[in-house]
Structure formats: structure tokens, C-alpha cells
Amino acid sequence: ETLIFAKSSSELVKNAIMKGEFDELRNIIPIMAIIMTIVTALTQLHVLNTGLAKFEALVVVPVYQTFYNAFAITGGLIFFQEYRAMSKKDTTMYSIGLMITLVGVNMLVQQRRKSVLPSHVE
């Protein structure tokens, strides 16, 4: 997940600059976080470009953006353990929001698929 790696990398670099202690950046973990930020960003660009080459932008971009946001938010909840502070209401609302978003994107894809497929004339 690009956002998690980017957040981790930027926090490590920011803390090193603010404290003036760059020893932390000599550890393998910050280096791997920075490398993974670059790798995941390039992978996402490749996937997006492949999708745009094969399908309509009116379908690819909303689907890509929706899944990007859904996985970024869910990944952040898990990685930063924010779910621990969520009440039952928060969890319910998050789940409902995620489901509405996924159903909406599914409806968009189905609608575009129907309009692109040739109609059968008898």
C-alpha cells in the first residue's frame, strides 16, 4: 500500500531531520519503506495504465480510485491499529459506507457494460 509506506517513510525522514539524528535512516527498515513506496507507486501506475489501455477511462478511473481509497483506508485502520479506537457505531458506519461505495461502482460497471455491448436485433 503506497500510502502506508509513504506515510511511514515521510515520518521517519521528518523525525530524523527534526531531531538531527540520521542514525535511524541507516537501519534497513526505513530504507525498505522508501523502496516499497517507490515500488508500489510504480506498480499502481502500471496497473492504471494497463487498465486505461484496455478499457474506457469512464470505467477504469472510478473503479481504480474507489479501490485505491477503500484499500488505503482499510489498510490504515489495520496498520495503525485505528480500529481499536472505533466504537460499534463507527465500525457499522464504515462498513455501510464501504458497501455503498462498492455497490455503486458495481452498478457503474454494469451500466457501462450494458451500453457497450451490442444489442441483439431479431
C-alpha atoms as a PDB file:
ATOM      1  CA  GLU A   1       0.000   0.000   0.000  1.00  0.00           C
ATOM      2  CA  THR A   2       1.626   3.143  -1.246  1.00  0.00           C
ATOM      3  CA  LEU A   3       0.027   5.465   1.298  1.00  0.00           C
ATOM      4  CA  ILE A   4       1.144   3.415   4.284  1.00  0.00           C
ATOM      5  CA  PHE A   5       4.698   3.132   3.001  1.00  0.00           C
ATOM      6  CA  ALA A   6       4.757   6.844   2.088  1.00  0.00           C
ATOM      7  CA  LYS A   7       3.419   7.864   5.497  1.00  0.00           C
ATOM      8  CA  SER A   8       5.927   5.641   7.284  1.00  0.00           C
ATOM      9  CA  SER A   9       8.825   6.877   5.142  1.00  0.00           C
ATOM     10  CA  SER A  10       7.931  10.531   5.499  1.00  0.00           C
ATOM     11  CA  GLU A  11       7.517  10.246   9.261  1.00  0.00           C
ATOM     12  CA  LEU A  12      10.912   8.559   9.605  1.00  0.00           C
ATOM     13  CA  VAL A  13      12.635  11.192   7.468  1.00  0.00           C
ATOM     14  CA  LYS A  14      10.789  14.050   9.192  1.00  0.00           C
ATOM     15  CA  ASN A  15      11.729  12.777  12.652  1.00  0.00           C
ATOM     16  CA  ALA A  16      15.351  12.329  11.604  1.00  0.00           C
ATOM     17  CA  ILE A  17      15.510  15.893  10.262  1.00  0.00           C
ATOM     18  CA  MET A  18      13.711  17.414  13.265  1.00  0.00           C
ATOM     19  CA  LYS A  19      15.938  15.612  15.767  1.00  0.00           C
ATOM     20  CA  GLY A  20      19.078  15.931  13.672  1.00  0.00           C
ATOM     21  CA  GLU A  21      19.716  12.231  14.216  1.00  0.00           C
ATOM     22  CA  PHE A  22      20.134  10.351  10.975  1.00  0.00           C
ATOM     23  CA  ASP A  23      21.182   7.056  12.554  1.00  0.00           C
ATOM     24  CA  GLU A  24      17.604   5.779  12.213  1.00  0.00           C
ATOM     25  CA  LEU A  25      17.858   6.122   8.429  1.00  0.00           C
ATOM     26  CA  ARG A  26      20.834   3.757   8.336  1.00  0.00           C
ATOM     27  CA  ASN A  27      18.598   0.927   9.521  1.00  0.00           C
ATOM     28  CA  ILE A  28      17.136  -1.431   6.910  1.00  0.00           C
ATOM     29  CA  ILE A  29      13.500  -0.701   7.848  1.00  0.00           C
ATOM     30  CA  PRO A  30      13.407   2.966   6.713  1.00  0.00           C
ATOM     31  CA  ILE A  31      15.299   2.073   3.557  1.00  0.00           C
ATOM     32  CA  MET A  32      12.824  -0.726   2.806  1.00  0.00           C
ATOM     33  CA  ALA A  33       9.884   1.623   3.472  1.00  0.00           C
ATOM     34  CA  ILE A  34      11.266   4.128   0.965  1.00  0.00           C
ATOM     35  CA  ILE A  35      11.970   1.398  -1.608  1.00  0.00           C
ATOM     36  CA  MET A  36       8.487  -0.086  -1.132  1.00  0.00           C
ATOM     37  CA  THR A  37       6.929   3.376  -1.564  1.00  0.00           C
ATOM     38  CA  ILE A  38       8.607   3.657  -4.948  1.00  0.00           C
ATOM     39  CA  VAL A  39       7.821   0.069  -5.970  1.00  0.00           C
ATOM     40  CA  THR A  40       4.144   0.264  -5.022  1.00  0.00           C
ATOM     41  CA  ALA A  41       3.736   3.669  -6.706  1.00  0.00           C
ATOM     42  CA  LEU A  42       5.260   2.352  -9.934  1.00  0.00           C
ATOM     43  CA  THR A  43       3.124  -0.791  -9.727  1.00  0.00           C
ATOM     44  CA  GLN A  44      -0.022   1.285  -9.305  1.00  0.00           C
ATOM     45  CA  LEU A  45       0.888   3.420 -12.319  1.00  0.00           C
ATOM     46  CA  HIS A  46       1.467   0.287 -14.380  1.00  0.00           C
ATOM     47  CA  VAL A  47      -1.877  -1.224 -13.345  1.00  0.00           C
ATOM     48  CA  LEU A  48      -3.731   2.026 -14.046  1.00  0.00           C
ATOM     49  CA  ASN A  49      -2.076   2.450 -17.455  1.00  0.00           C
ATOM     50  CA  THR A  50      -2.806  -1.172 -18.374  1.00  0.00           C
ATOM     51  CA  GLY A  51      -6.454  -0.708 -17.430  1.00  0.00           C
ATOM     52  CA  LEU A  52      -6.700   2.528 -19.419  1.00  0.00           C
ATOM     53  CA  ALA A  53      -5.154   0.832 -22.450  1.00  0.00           C
ATOM     54  CA  LYS A  54      -7.731  -1.973 -22.363  1.00  0.00           C
ATOM     55  CA  PHE A  55     -10.920  -0.310 -21.123  1.00  0.00           C
ATOM     56  CA  GLU A  56     -12.764   3.008 -21.090  1.00  0.00           C
ATOM     57  CA  ALA A  57     -11.463   5.708 -18.775  1.00  0.00           C
ATOM     58  CA  LEU A  58     -15.033   6.311 -17.558  1.00  0.00           C
ATOM     59  CA  VAL A  59     -14.940   2.853 -16.002  1.00  0.00           C
ATOM     60  CA  VAL A  60     -11.275   2.395 -15.109  1.00  0.00           C
ATOM     61  CA  VAL A  61     -10.727   5.648 -13.219  1.00  0.00           C
ATOM     62  CA  PRO A  62     -13.731   5.382 -10.851  1.00  0.00           C
ATOM     63  CA  VAL A  63     -13.039   1.696 -10.171  1.00  0.00           C
ATOM     64  CA  TYR A  64      -9.331   2.356  -9.606  1.00  0.00           C
ATOM     65  CA  GLN A  65      -9.970   5.357  -7.356  1.00  0.00           C
ATOM     66  CA  THR A  66     -12.634   3.558  -5.338  1.00  0.00           C
ATOM     67  CA  PHE A  67     -10.500   0.508  -4.669  1.00  0.00           C
ATOM     68  CA  TYR A  68      -7.439   2.668  -4.021  1.00  0.00           C
ATOM     69  CA  ASN A  69      -9.319   4.628  -1.358  1.00  0.00           C
ATOM     70  CA  ALA A  70     -11.021   1.574   0.136  1.00  0.00           C
ATOM     71  CA  PHE A  71      -7.742  -0.312   0.499  1.00  0.00           C
ATOM     72  CA  ALA A  72      -5.890   2.777   1.743  1.00  0.00           C
ATOM     73  CA  ILE A  73      -8.459   3.451   4.458  1.00  0.00           C
ATOM     74  CA  THR A  74      -8.784  -0.197   5.446  1.00  0.00           C
ATOM     75  CA  GLY A  75      -5.011  -0.649   5.367  1.00  0.00           C
ATOM     76  CA  GLY A  76      -4.567   2.406   7.560  1.00  0.00           C
ATOM     77  CA  LEU A  77      -7.153   1.122  10.025  1.00  0.00           C
ATOM     78  CA  ILE A  78      -5.245  -2.129  10.337  1.00  0.00           C
ATOM     79  CA  PHE A  79      -1.634  -0.927  10.089  1.00  0.00           C
ATOM     80  CA  PHE A  80      -2.029   1.980  12.511  1.00  0.00           C
ATOM     81  CA  GLN A  81      -4.491  -0.045  14.654  1.00  0.00           C
ATOM     82  CA  GLU A  82      -7.095   2.694  14.465  1.00  0.00           C
ATOM     83  CA  TYR A  83      -9.822   0.064  14.607  1.00  0.00           C
ATOM     84  CA  ARG A  84      -9.129  -0.284  18.330  1.00  0.00           C
ATOM     85  CA  ALA A  85     -10.494   3.200  18.957  1.00  0.00           C
ATOM     86  CA  MET A  86     -13.587   2.658  16.819  1.00  0.00           C
ATOM     87  CA  SER A  87     -16.929   2.309  18.513  1.00  0.00           C
ATOM     88  CA  LYS A  88     -19.568  -0.115  17.256  1.00  0.00           C
ATOM     89  CA  LYS A  89     -21.281   2.830  15.578  1.00  0.00           C
ATOM     90  CA  ASP A  90     -18.019   3.797  13.807  1.00  0.00           C
ATOM     91  CA  THR A  91     -17.487   0.223  12.650  1.00  0.00           C
ATOM     92  CA  THR A  92     -21.060  -0.044  11.424  1.00  0.00           C
ATOM     93  CA  MET A  93     -20.899   3.282   9.583  1.00  0.00           C
ATOM     94  CA  TYR A  94     -17.554   2.395   8.000  1.00  0.00           C
ATOM     95  CA  SER A  95     -18.939  -0.955   6.837  1.00  0.00           C
ATOM     96  CA  ILE A  96     -22.099   0.629   5.444  1.00  0.00           C
ATOM     97  CA  GLY A  97     -20.092   3.320   3.653  1.00  0.00           C
ATOM     98  CA  LEU A  98     -17.738   0.773   2.158  1.00  0.00           C
ATOM     99  CA  MET A  99     -20.624  -1.386   0.962  1.00  0.00           C
ATOM    100  CA  ILE A 100     -22.462   1.590  -0.589  1.00  0.00           C
ATOM    101  CA  THR A 101     -19.288   2.595  -2.405  1.00  0.00           C
ATOM    102  CA  LEU A 102     -18.623  -0.910  -3.742  1.00  0.00           C
ATOM    103  CA  VAL A 103     -22.244  -1.394  -4.811  1.00  0.00           C
ATOM    104  CA  GLY A 104     -22.160   1.995  -6.559  1.00  0.00           C
ATOM    105  CA  VAL A 105     -19.029   1.123  -8.503  1.00  0.00           C
ATOM    106  CA  ASN A 106     -20.510  -2.252  -9.409  1.00  0.00           C
ATOM    107  CA  MET A 107     -23.620  -0.504 -10.713  1.00  0.00           C
ATOM    108  CA  LEU A 108     -21.460   1.876 -12.756  1.00  0.00           C
ATOM    109  CA  VAL A 109     -19.525  -1.001 -14.310  1.00  0.00           C
ATOM    110  CA  GLN A 110     -22.717  -2.957 -15.066  1.00  0.00           C
ATOM    111  CA  GLN A 111     -24.327   0.125 -16.648  1.00  0.00           C
ATOM    112  CA  ARG A 112     -21.289   0.818 -18.829  1.00  0.00           C
ATOM    113  CA  ARG A 113     -21.089  -2.853 -19.811  1.00  0.00           C
ATOM    114  CA  LYS A 114     -24.726  -2.810 -20.963  1.00  0.00           C
ATOM    115  CA  SER A 115     -24.220   0.349 -23.007  1.00  0.00           C
ATOM    116  CA  VAL A 116     -21.061  -1.001 -24.699  1.00  0.00           C
ATOM    117  CA  LEU A 117     -22.314  -4.486 -25.562  1.00  0.00           C
ATOM    118  CA  PRO A 118     -24.109  -4.660 -28.929  1.00  0.00           C
ATOM    119  CA  SER A 119     -27.808  -5.202 -28.678  1.00  0.00           C
ATOM    120  CA  HIS A 120     -29.257  -8.248 -30.380  1.00  0.00           C
ATOM    121  CA  VAL A 121     -31.705  -7.410 -33.105  1.00  0.00           C
ATOM    122  CA  GLU A 122     -34.095 -10.192 -34.033  1.00  0.00           C
END
